Amino acid sequence: MSADNINWDRVSLSNFSSKLLDSREWFSTATELVSAAEILAPHVIDWWDSLHEWSKDSRKIFNEYGYHSLFMMLYAYAIENLCKGYMVGRLSWKPHLSRVGR
């Protein structure tokens, strides 16, 4: 097959479906998300400590940015990817792939 005859849409679909149906890809992404969240953990703890101190004495400085929303979002995406990885591992996907030409 020459380079002119390559069906790049089919190649792209094949690559996408291979990654989509590989539970290791989902688990790997979840691990990366948790690692990113853990980098933010000290900032989140500082924010909560600042809030606690500020609630005792409002004259103290309160940290404006706590990154807690981003921290929670990263963990939520990680949980979602763990669930997807588990579900992909339980799928019976071979009959479907035979329909798309694999």
PDB file of N, CA and C in Angstrom:
ATOM      1  N   MET A   1       0.856  -1.182   0.000  1.00  0.00           N
ATOM      2  CA  MET A   1       0.000   0.000   0.000  1.00  0.00           C
ATOM      3  C   MET A   1       0.892   1.230   0.000  1.00  0.00           C
ATOM      4  N   SER A   2       0.658   2.100  -0.933  1.00  0.00           N
ATOM      5  CA  SER A   2       1.457   3.320  -1.021  1.00  0.00           C
ATOM      6  C   SER A   2       0.912   4.371  -0.059  1.00  0.00           C
ATOM      7  N   ALA A   3       1.713   5.388   0.165  1.00  0.00           N
ATOM      8  CA  ALA A   3       1.314   6.457   1.085  1.00  0.00           C
ATOM      9  C   ALA A   3       0.077   7.187   0.585  1.00  0.00           C
ATOM     10  N   ASP A   4      -0.129   7.206  -0.758  1.00  0.00           N
ATOM     11  CA  ASP A   4      -1.298   7.885  -1.315  1.00  0.00           C
ATOM     12  C   ASP A   4      -2.592   7.137  -1.034  1.00  0.00           C
ATOM     13  N   ASN A   5      -2.489   5.836  -0.791  1.00  0.00           N
ATOM     14  CA  ASN A   5      -3.685   5.010  -0.600  1.00  0.00           C
ATOM     15  C   ASN A   5      -4.055   4.794   0.864  1.00  0.00           C
ATOM     16  N   ILE A   6      -3.334   5.400   1.781  1.00  0.00           N
ATOM     17  CA  ILE A   6      -3.618   5.204   3.208  1.00  0.00           C
ATOM     18  C   ILE A   6      -4.883   5.959   3.581  1.00  0.00           C
ATOM     19  N   ASN A   7      -5.781   5.268   4.223  1.00  0.00           N
ATOM     20  CA  ASN A   7      -7.021   5.873   4.705  1.00  0.00           C
ATOM     21  C   ASN A   7      -6.754   6.400   6.120  1.00  0.00           C
ATOM     22  N   TRP A   8      -6.403   7.674   6.231  1.00  0.00           N
ATOM     23  CA  TRP A   8      -6.011   8.250   7.516  1.00  0.00           C
ATOM     24  C   TRP A   8      -7.170   8.312   8.496  1.00  0.00           C
ATOM     25  N   ASP A   9      -8.392   8.418   8.015  1.00  0.00           N
ATOM     26  CA  ASP A   9      -9.548   8.383   8.915  1.00  0.00           C
ATOM     27  C   ASP A   9      -9.632   7.029   9.604  1.00  0.00           C
ATOM     28  N   ARG A  10      -9.394   5.982   8.854  1.00  0.00           N
ATOM     29  CA  ARG A  10      -9.432   4.622   9.410  1.00  0.00           C
ATOM     30  C   ARG A  10      -8.288   4.417  10.412  1.00  0.00           C
ATOM     31  N   VAL A  11      -7.107   4.935  10.083  1.00  0.00           N
ATOM     32  CA  VAL A  11      -5.959   4.842  10.993  1.00  0.00           C
ATOM     33  C   VAL A  11      -6.265   5.581  12.294  1.00  0.00           C
ATOM     34  N   SER A  12      -6.811   6.783  12.182  1.00  0.00           N
ATOM     35  CA  SER A  12      -7.160   7.577  13.362  1.00  0.00           C
ATOM     36  C   SER A  12      -8.207   6.862  14.219  1.00  0.00           C
ATOM     37  N   LEU A  13      -9.224   6.306  13.577  1.00  0.00           N
ATOM     38  CA  LEU A  13     -10.260   5.566  14.302  1.00  0.00           C
ATOM     39  C   LEU A  13      -9.678   4.348  15.002  1.00  0.00           C
ATOM     40  N   SER A  14      -8.777   3.673  14.337  1.00  0.00           N
ATOM     41  CA  SER A  14      -8.137   2.501  14.937  1.00  0.00           C
ATOM     42  C   SER A  14      -7.308   2.887  16.157  1.00  0.00           C
ATOM     43  N   ASN A  15      -6.506   3.948  16.027  1.00  0.00           N
ATOM     44  CA  ASN A  15      -5.694   4.405  17.158  1.00  0.00           C
ATOM     45  C   ASN A  15      -6.562   4.856  18.324  1.00  0.00           C
ATOM     46  N   PHE A  16      -7.618   5.604  18.011  1.00  0.00           N
ATOM     47  CA  PHE A  16      -8.510   6.100  19.052  1.00  0.00           C
ATOM     48  C   PHE A  16      -9.210   4.951  19.766  1.00  0.00           C
ATOM     49  N   SER A  17      -9.735   3.998  18.996  1.00  0.00           N
ATOM     50  CA  SER A  17     -10.468   2.891  19.622  1.00  0.00           C
ATOM     51  C   SER A  17      -9.538   2.001  20.429  1.00  0.00           C
ATOM     52  N   SER A  18      -8.285   1.851  19.984  1.00  0.00           N
ATOM     53  CA  SER A  18      -7.331   1.046  20.758  1.00  0.00           C
ATOM     54  C   SER A  18      -7.079   1.669  22.123  1.00  0.00           C
ATOM     55  N   LYS A  19      -6.890   2.982  22.152  1.00  0.00           N
ATOM     56  CA  LYS A  19      -6.656   3.658  23.432  1.00  0.00           C
ATOM     57  C   LYS A  19      -7.926   3.687  24.278  1.00  0.00           C
ATOM     58  N   LEU A  20      -9.046   3.903  23.630  1.00  0.00           N
ATOM     59  CA  LEU A  20     -10.318   3.983  24.337  1.00  0.00           C
ATOM     60  C   LEU A  20     -10.659   2.677  25.032  1.00  0.00           C
ATOM     61  N   LEU A  21     -10.293   1.562  24.410  1.00  0.00           N
ATOM     62  CA  LEU A  21     -10.662   0.253  24.932  1.00  0.00           C
ATOM     63  C   LEU A  21      -9.549  -0.407  25.742  1.00  0.00           C
ATOM     64  N   ASP A  22      -8.532   0.341  26.099  1.00  0.00           N
ATOM     65  CA  ASP A  22      -7.434  -0.179  26.905  1.00  0.00           C
ATOM     66  C   ASP A  22      -7.559   0.374  28.318  1.00  0.00           C
ATOM     67  N   SER A  23      -7.920  -0.492  29.254  1.00  0.00           N
ATOM     68  CA  SER A  23      -8.131  -0.032  30.629  1.00  0.00           C
ATOM     69  C   SER A  23      -6.855   0.557  31.226  1.00  0.00           C
ATOM     70  N   ARG A  24      -5.688   0.088  30.777  1.00  0.00           N
ATOM     71  CA  ARG A  24      -4.429   0.632  31.301  1.00  0.00           C
ATOM     72  C   ARG A  24      -4.285   2.117  30.977  1.00  0.00           C
ATOM     73  N   GLU A  25      -4.783   2.530  29.831  1.00  0.00           N
ATOM     74  CA  GLU A  25      -4.731   3.960  29.460  1.00  0.00           C
ATOM     75  C   GLU A  25      -5.549   4.790  30.455  1.00  0.00           C
ATOM     76  N   TRP A  26      -6.744   4.291  30.790  1.00  0.00           N
ATOM     77  CA  TRP A  26      -7.604   5.006  31.745  1.00  0.00           C
ATOM     78  C   TRP A  26      -6.950   5.064  33.124  1.00  0.00           C
ATOM     79  N   PHE A  27      -6.370   3.935  33.575  1.00  0.00           N
ATOM     80  CA  PHE A  27      -5.739   3.900  34.888  1.00  0.00           C
ATOM     81  C   PHE A  27      -4.486   4.782  34.922  1.00  0.00           C
ATOM     82  N   SER A  28      -3.746   4.801  33.835  1.00  0.00           N
ATOM     83  CA  SER A  28      -2.553   5.646  33.757  1.00  0.00           C
ATOM     84  C   SER A  28      -2.919   7.127  33.843  1.00  0.00           C
ATOM     85  N   THR A  29      -3.962   7.508  33.133  1.00  0.00           N
ATOM     86  CA  THR A  29      -4.410   8.904  33.183  1.00  0.00           C
ATOM     87  C   THR A  29      -4.895   9.264  34.582  1.00  0.00           C
ATOM     88  N   ALA A  30      -5.596   8.346  35.235  1.00  0.00           N
ATOM     89  CA  ALA A  30      -6.058   8.587  36.606  1.00  0.00           C
ATOM     90  C   ALA A  30      -4.873   8.807  37.542  1.00  0.00           C
ATOM     91  N   THR A  31      -3.820   8.022  37.368  1.00  0.00           N
ATOM     92  CA  THR A  31      -2.621   8.172  38.197  1.00  0.00           C
ATOM     93  C   THR A  31      -1.977   9.540  37.979  1.00  0.00           C
ATOM     94  N   GLU A  32      -1.926   9.983  36.728  1.00  0.00           N
ATOM     95  CA  GLU A  32      -1.365  11.308  36.431  1.00  0.00           C
ATOM     96  C   GLU A  32      -2.202  12.417  37.067  1.00  0.00           C
ATOM     97  N   LEU A  33      -3.524  12.268  37.044  1.00  0.00           N
ATOM     98  CA  LEU A  33      -4.398  13.275  37.645  1.00  0.00           C
ATOM     99  C   LEU A  33      -4.204  13.345  39.157  1.00  0.00           C
ATOM    100  N   VAL A  34      -4.089  12.189  39.792  1.00  0.00           N
ATOM    101  CA  VAL A  34      -3.860  12.164  41.241  1.00  0.00           C
ATOM    102  C   VAL A  34      -2.508  12.797  41.565  1.00  0.00           C
ATOM    103  N   SER A  35      -1.505  12.505  40.752  1.00  0.00           N
ATOM    104  CA  SER A  35      -0.183  13.106  40.979  1.00  0.00           C
ATOM    105  C   SER A  35      -0.236  14.624  40.862  1.00  0.00           C
ATOM    106  N   ALA A  36      -0.976  15.122  39.889  1.00  0.00           N
ATOM    107  CA  ALA A  36      -1.127  16.574  39.742  1.00  0.00           C
ATOM    108  C   ALA A  36      -1.854  17.170  40.938  1.00  0.00           C
ATOM    109  N   ALA A  37      -2.873  16.482  41.421  1.00  0.00           N
ATOM    110  CA  ALA A  37      -3.614  16.974  42.591  1.00  0.00           C
ATOM    111  C   ALA A  37      -2.721  17.003  43.822  1.00  0.00           C
ATOM    112  N   GLU A  38      -1.876  16.008  43.971  1.00  0.00           N
ATOM    113  CA  GLU A  38      -1.001  15.947  45.143  1.00  0.00           C
ATOM    114  C   GLU A  38       0.010  17.088  45.153  1.00  0.00           C
ATOM    115  N   ILE A  39       0.369  17.600  43.986  1.00  0.00           N
ATOM    116  CA  ILE A  39       1.253  18.772  43.936  1.00  0.00           C
ATOM    117  C   ILE A  39       0.561  19.985  44.551  1.00  0.00           C
ATOM    118  N   LEU A  40      -0.755  20.050  44.384  1.00  0.00           N
ATOM    119  CA  LEU A  40      -1.526  21.170  44.932  1.00  0.00           C
ATOM    120  C   LEU A  40      -1.873  20.993  46.414  1.00  0.00           C
ATOM    121  N   ALA A  41      -1.738  19.794  46.944  1.00  0.00           N
ATOM    122  CA  ALA A  41      -2.171  19.505  48.316  1.00  0.00           C
ATOM    123  C   ALA A  41      -1.609  20.465  49.360  1.00  0.00           C
ATOM    124  N   PRO A  42      -0.318  20.798  49.343  1.00  0.00           N
ATOM    125  CA  PRO A  42       0.182  21.738  50.364  1.00  0.00           C
ATOM    126  C   PRO A  42      -0.509  23.105  50.299  1.00  0.00           C
ATOM    127  N   HIS A  43      -0.830  23.556  49.084  1.00  0.00           N
ATOM    128  CA  HIS A  43      -1.519  24.846  48.936  1.00  0.00           C
ATOM    129  C   HIS A  43      -2.947  24.769  49.487  1.00  0.00           C
ATOM    130  N   VAL A  44      -3.587  23.643  49.284  1.00  0.00           N
ATOM    131  CA  VAL A  44      -4.953  23.452  49.799  1.00  0.00           C
ATOM    132  C   VAL A  44      -4.931  23.434  51.323  1.00  0.00           C
ATOM    133  N   ILE A  45      -3.978  22.739  51.899  1.00  0.00           N
ATOM    134  CA  ILE A  45      -3.856  22.677  53.365  1.00  0.00           C
ATOM    135  C   ILE A  45      -3.564  24.068  53.937  1.00  0.00           C
ATOM    136  N   ASP A  46      -2.683  24.812  53.269  1.00  0.00           N
ATOM    137  CA  ASP A  46      -2.394  26.188  53.714  1.00  0.00           C
ATOM    138  C   ASP A  46      -3.653  27.049  53.682  1.00  0.00           C
ATOM    139  N   TRP A  47      -4.446  26.882  52.636  1.00  0.00           N
ATOM    140  CA  TRP A  47      -5.676  27.671  52.525  1.00  0.00           C
ATOM    141  C   TRP A  47      -6.629  27.361  53.677  1.00  0.00           C
ATOM    142  N   TRP A  48      -6.808  26.074  53.982  1.00  0.00           N
ATOM    143  CA  TRP A  48      -7.705  25.712  55.084  1.00  0.00           C
ATOM    144  C   TRP A  48      -7.166  26.208  56.424  1.00  0.00           C
ATOM    145  N   ASP A  49      -5.857  26.119  56.609  1.00  0.00           N
ATOM    146  CA  ASP A  49      -5.252  26.648  57.833  1.00  0.00           C
ATOM    147  C   ASP A  49      -5.466  28.154  57.929  1.00  0.00           C
ATOM    148  N   SER A  50      -5.315  28.836  56.812  1.00  0.00           N
ATOM    149  CA  SER A  50      -5.534  30.284  56.771  1.00  0.00           C
ATOM    150  C   SER A  50      -6.983  30.620  57.108  1.00  0.00           C
ATOM    151  N   LEU A  51      -7.899  29.849  56.569  1.00  0.00           N
ATOM    152  CA  LEU A  51      -9.326  30.063  56.859  1.00  0.00           C
ATOM    153  C   LEU A  51      -9.610  29.848  58.344  1.00  0.00           C
ATOM    154  N   HIS A  52      -9.005  28.818  58.896  1.00  0.00           N
ATOM    155  CA  HIS A  52      -9.208  28.524  60.322  1.00  0.00           C
ATOM    156  C   HIS A  52      -8.682  29.675  61.182  1.00  0.00           C
ATOM    157  N   GLU A  53      -7.496  30.173  60.878  1.00  0.00           N
ATOM    158  CA  GLU A  53      -6.922  31.292  61.630  1.00  0.00           C
ATOM    159  C   GLU A  53      -7.750  32.560  61.438  1.00  0.00           C
ATOM    160  N   TRP A  54      -8.183  32.813  60.225  1.00  0.00           N
ATOM    161  CA  TRP A  54      -8.979  33.999  59.933  1.00  0.00           C
ATOM    162  C   TRP A  54     -10.320  33.952  60.664  1.00  0.00           C
ATOM    163  N   SER A  55     -10.903  32.749  60.806  1.00  0.00           N
ATOM    164  CA  SER A  55     -12.190  32.635  61.501  1.00  0.00           C
ATOM    165  C   SER A  55     -12.053  32.952  62.996  1.00  0.00           C
ATOM    166  N   LYS A  56     -10.865  32.761  63.545  1.00  0.00           N
ATOM    167  CA  LYS A  56     -10.616  33.106  64.942  1.00  0.00           C
ATOM    168  C   LYS A  56     -10.397  34.613  65.110  1.00  0.00           C
ATOM    169  N   ASP A  57      -9.718  35.206  64.131  1.00  0.00           N
ATOM    170  CA  ASP A  57      -9.367  36.629  64.215  1.00  0.00           C
ATOM    171  C   ASP A  57      -9.371  37.197  62.796  1.00  0.00           C
ATOM    172  N   SER A  58     -10.406  37.942  62.454  1.00  0.00           N
ATOM    173  CA  SER A  58     -10.572  38.439  61.082  1.00  0.00           C
ATOM    174  C   SER A  58      -9.531  39.495  60.701  1.00  0.00           C
ATOM    175  N   ARG A  59      -8.716  39.909  61.644  1.00  0.00           N
ATOM    176  CA  ARG A  59      -7.660  40.856  61.303  1.00  0.00           C
ATOM    177  C   ARG A  59      -6.467  40.156  60.657  1.00  0.00           C
ATOM    178  N   LYS A  60      -6.430  38.843  60.768  1.00  0.00           N
ATOM    179  CA  LYS A  60      -5.335  38.088  60.160  1.00  0.00           C
ATOM    180  C   LYS A  60      -5.563  37.974  58.654  1.00  0.00           C
ATOM    181  N   ILE A  61      -4.476  37.710  57.953  1.00  0.00           N
ATOM    182  CA  ILE A  61      -4.539  37.615  56.489  1.00  0.00           C
ATOM    183  C   ILE A  61      -5.135  36.266  56.087  1.00  0.00           C
ATOM    184  N   PHE A  62      -6.058  36.359  55.147  1.00  0.00           N
ATOM    185  CA  PHE A  62      -6.708  35.160  54.614  1.00  0.00           C
ATOM    186  C   PHE A  62      -6.192  34.928  53.197  1.00  0.00           C
ATOM    187  N   ASN A  63      -5.672  33.730  52.924  1.00  0.00           N
ATOM    188  CA  ASN A  63      -5.175  33.407  51.578  1.00  0.00           C
ATOM    189  C   ASN A  63      -6.325  33.435  50.581  1.00  0.00           C
ATOM    190  N   GLU A  64      -6.161  34.233  49.541  1.00  0.00           N
ATOM    191  CA  GLU A  64      -7.240  34.387  48.563  1.00  0.00           C
ATOM    192  C   GLU A  64      -7.406  33.144  47.702  1.00  0.00           C
ATOM    193  N   TYR A  65      -6.303  32.535  47.299  1.00  0.00           N
ATOM    194  CA  TYR A  65      -6.375  31.387  46.402  1.00  0.00           C
ATOM    195  C   TYR A  65      -5.992  30.124  47.153  1.00  0.00           C
ATOM    196  N   GLY A  66      -6.887  29.156  47.119  1.00  0.00           N
ATOM    197  CA  GLY A  66      -6.625  27.931  47.849  1.00  0.00           C
ATOM    198  C   GLY A  66      -6.463  26.715  46.973  1.00  0.00           C
ATOM    199  N   TYR A  67      -6.812  26.837  45.722  1.00  0.00           N
ATOM    200  CA  TYR A  67      -6.694  25.738  44.770  1.00  0.00           C
ATOM    201  C   TYR A  67      -7.537  24.516  45.145  1.00  0.00           C
ATOM    202  N   HIS A  68      -8.397  24.649  46.135  1.00  0.00           N
ATOM    203  CA  HIS A  68      -9.174  23.491  46.563  1.00  0.00           C
ATOM    204  C   HIS A  68     -10.169  23.037  45.503  1.00  0.00           C
ATOM    205  N   SER A  69     -10.724  23.964  44.726  1.00  0.00           N
ATOM    206  CA  SER A  69     -11.659  23.569  43.669  1.00  0.00           C
ATOM    207  C   SER A  69     -10.943  22.771  42.587  1.00  0.00           C
ATOM    208  N   LEU A  70      -9.784  23.231  42.208  1.00  0.00           N
ATOM    209  CA  LEU A  70      -8.990  22.522  41.212  1.00  0.00           C
ATOM    210  C   LEU A  70      -8.541  21.164  41.744  1.00  0.00           C
ATOM    211  N   PHE A  71      -8.151  21.120  43.000  1.00  0.00           N
ATOM    212  CA  PHE A  71      -7.747  19.882  43.663  1.00  0.00           C
ATOM    213  C   PHE A  71      -8.879  18.859  43.612  1.00  0.00           C
ATOM    214  N   MET A  72     -10.073  19.296  43.962  1.00  0.00           N
ATOM    215  CA  MET A  72     -11.230  18.390  43.945  1.00  0.00           C
ATOM    216  C   MET A  72     -11.591  17.956  42.522  1.00  0.00           C
ATOM    217  N   MET A  73     -11.469  18.866  41.557  1.00  0.00           N
ATOM    218  CA  MET A  73     -11.774  18.543  40.167  1.00  0.00           C
ATOM    219  C   MET A  73     -10.812  17.474  39.648  1.00  0.00           C
ATOM    220  N   LEU A  74      -9.532  17.603  39.955  1.00  0.00           N
ATOM    221  CA  LEU A  74      -8.557  16.611  39.510  1.00  0.00           C
ATOM    222  C   LEU A  74      -8.870  15.237  40.098  1.00  0.00           C
ATOM    223  N   TYR A  75      -9.229  15.201  41.380  1.00  0.00           N
ATOM    224  CA  TYR A  75      -9.596  13.918  41.988  1.00  0.00           C
ATOM    225  C   TYR A  75     -10.890  13.367  41.389  1.00  0.00           C
ATOM    226  N   ALA A  76     -11.826  14.231  41.071  1.00  0.00           N
ATOM    227  CA  ALA A  76     -13.080  13.775  40.446  1.00  0.00           C
ATOM    228  C   ALA A  76     -12.807  13.156  39.082  1.00  0.00           C
ATOM    229  N   TYR A  77     -11.953  13.797  38.285  1.00  0.00           N
ATOM    230  CA  TYR A  77     -11.593  13.231  36.982  1.00  0.00           C
ATOM    231  C   TYR A  77     -10.854  11.907  37.152  1.00  0.00           C
ATOM    232  N   ALA A  78     -10.006  11.821  38.164  1.00  0.00           N
ATOM    233  CA  ALA A  78      -9.285  10.572  38.414  1.00  0.00           C
ATOM    234  C   ALA A  78     -10.257   9.444  38.750  1.00  0.00           C
ATOM    235  N   ILE A  79     -11.232   9.732  39.600  1.00  0.00           N
ATOM    236  CA  ILE A  79     -12.241   8.720  39.950  1.00  0.00           C
ATOM    237  C   ILE A  79     -13.028   8.313  38.712  1.00  0.00           C
ATOM    238  N   GLU A  80     -13.386   9.300  37.893  1.00  0.00           N
ATOM    239  CA  GLU A  80     -14.109   9.004  36.650  1.00  0.00           C
ATOM    240  C   GLU A  80     -13.279   8.078  35.746  1.00  0.00           C
ATOM    241  N   ASN A  81     -11.992   8.357  35.614  1.00  0.00           N
ATOM    242  CA  ASN A  81     -11.143   7.521  34.770  1.00  0.00           C
ATOM    243  C   ASN A  81     -10.960   6.125  35.350  1.00  0.00           C
ATOM    244  N   LEU A  82     -10.890   6.007  36.672  1.00  0.00           N
ATOM    245  CA  LEU A  82     -10.812   4.680  37.289  1.00  0.00           C
ATOM    246  C   LEU A  82     -12.078   3.878  36.996  1.00  0.00           C
ATOM    247  N   CYS A  83     -13.215   4.532  37.066  1.00  0.00           N
ATOM    248  CA  CYS A  83     -14.479   3.860  36.758  1.00  0.00           C
ATOM    249  C   CYS A  83     -14.524   3.431  35.291  1.00  0.00           C
ATOM    250  N   LYS A  84     -14.080   4.304  34.400  1.00  0.00           N
ATOM    251  CA  LYS A  84     -14.061   3.971  32.973  1.00  0.00           C
ATOM    252  C   LYS A  84     -13.103   2.813  32.703  1.00  0.00           C
ATOM    253  N   GLY A  85     -11.940   2.826  33.343  1.00  0.00           N
ATOM    254  CA  GLY A  85     -10.990   1.728  33.171  1.00  0.00           C
ATOM    255  C   GLY A  85     -11.575   0.406  33.624  1.00  0.00           C
ATOM    256  N   TYR A  86     -12.284   0.428  34.736  1.00  0.00           N
ATOM    257  CA  TYR A  86     -12.934  -0.784  35.242  1.00  0.00           C
ATOM    258  C   TYR A  86     -14.001  -1.260  34.260  1.00  0.00           C
ATOM    259  N   MET A  87     -14.801  -0.332  33.783  1.00  0.00           N
ATOM    260  CA  MET A  87     -15.888  -0.695  32.864  1.00  0.00           C
ATOM    261  C   MET A  87     -15.341  -1.203  31.532  1.00  0.00           C
ATOM    262  N   VAL A  88     -14.304  -0.572  31.007  1.00  0.00           N
ATOM    263  CA  VAL A  88     -13.714  -1.010  29.740  1.00  0.00           C
ATOM    264  C   VAL A  88     -13.170  -2.430  29.879  1.00  0.00           C
ATOM    265  N   GLY A  89     -12.606  -2.732  31.027  1.00  0.00           N
ATOM    266  CA  GLY A  89     -12.083  -4.072  31.261  1.00  0.00           C
ATOM    267  C   GLY A  89     -13.158  -5.147  31.275  1.00  0.00           C
ATOM    268  N   ARG A  90     -14.381  -4.746  31.529  1.00  0.00           N
ATOM    269  CA  ARG A  90     -15.489  -5.703  31.584  1.00  0.00           C
ATOM    270  C   ARG A  90     -16.293  -5.767  30.284  1.00  0.00           C
ATOM    271  N   LEU A  91     -15.962  -4.906  29.318  1.00  0.00           N
ATOM    272  CA  LEU A  91     -16.718  -4.866  28.068  1.00  0.00           C
ATOM    273  C   LEU A  91     -16.425  -6.072  27.191  1.00  0.00           C
ATOM    274  N   SER A  92     -17.420  -6.437  26.447  1.00  0.00           N
ATOM    275  CA  SER A  92     -17.234  -7.417  25.391  1.00  0.00           C
ATOM    276  C   SER A  92     -17.239  -6.627  24.091  1.00  0.00           C
ATOM    277  N   TRP A  93     -16.067  -6.213  23.639  1.00  0.00           N
ATOM    278  CA  TRP A  93     -15.973  -5.285  22.531  1.00  0.00           C
ATOM    279  C   TRP A  93     -15.530  -5.920  21.224  1.00  0.00           C
ATOM    280  N   LYS A  94     -15.115  -7.172  21.217  1.00  0.00           N
ATOM    281  CA  LYS A  94     -14.619  -7.789  19.989  1.00  0.00           C
ATOM    282  C   LYS A  94     -15.668  -7.857  18.876  1.00  0.00           C
ATOM    283  N   PRO A  95     -16.912  -8.198  19.151  1.00  0.00           N
ATOM    284  CA  PRO A  95     -17.892  -8.209  18.057  1.00  0.00           C
ATOM    285  C   PRO A  95     -18.052  -6.836  17.402  1.00  0.00           C
ATOM    286  N   HIS A  96     -17.998  -5.791  18.185  1.00  0.00           N
ATOM    287  CA  HIS A  96     -18.133  -4.444  17.621  1.00  0.00           C
ATOM    288  C   HIS A  96     -16.952  -4.110  16.723  1.00  0.00           C
ATOM    289  N   LEU A  97     -15.741  -4.444  17.161  1.00  0.00           N
ATOM    290  CA  LEU A  97     -14.562  -4.139  16.348  1.00  0.00           C
ATOM    291  C   LEU A  97     -14.576  -4.883  15.026  1.00  0.00           C
ATOM    292  N   SER A  98     -15.158  -6.083  14.993  1.00  0.00           N
ATOM    293  CA  SER A  98     -15.234  -6.802  13.724  1.00  0.00           C
ATOM    294  C   SER A  98     -16.165  -6.090  12.757  1.00  0.00           C
ATOM    295  N   ARG A  99     -17.134  -5.350  13.265  1.00  0.00           N
ATOM    296  CA  ARG A  99     -18.044  -4.601  12.400  1.00  0.00           C
ATOM    297  C   ARG A  99     -17.362  -3.389  11.784  1.00  0.00           C
ATOM    298  N   VAL A 100     -16.361  -2.818  12.481  1.00  0.00           N
ATOM    299  CA  VAL A 100     -15.678  -1.644  11.936  1.00  0.00           C
ATOM    300  C   VAL A 100     -14.427  -2.042  11.158  1.00  0.00           C
ATOM    301  N   GLY A 101     -14.233  -3.318  10.933  1.00  0.00           N
ATOM    302  CA  GLY A 101     -13.176  -3.756  10.047  1.00  0.00           C
ATOM    303  C   GLY A 101     -11.853  -4.132  10.683  1.00  0.00           C
ATOM    304  N   ARG A 102     -11.814  -4.380  11.979  1.00  0.00           N
ATOM    305  CA  ARG A 102     -10.559  -4.803  12.622  1.00  0.00           C
ATOM    306  C   ARG A 102     -10.457  -6.287  12.639  1.00  0.00           C
TER     307      ARG A 102
END
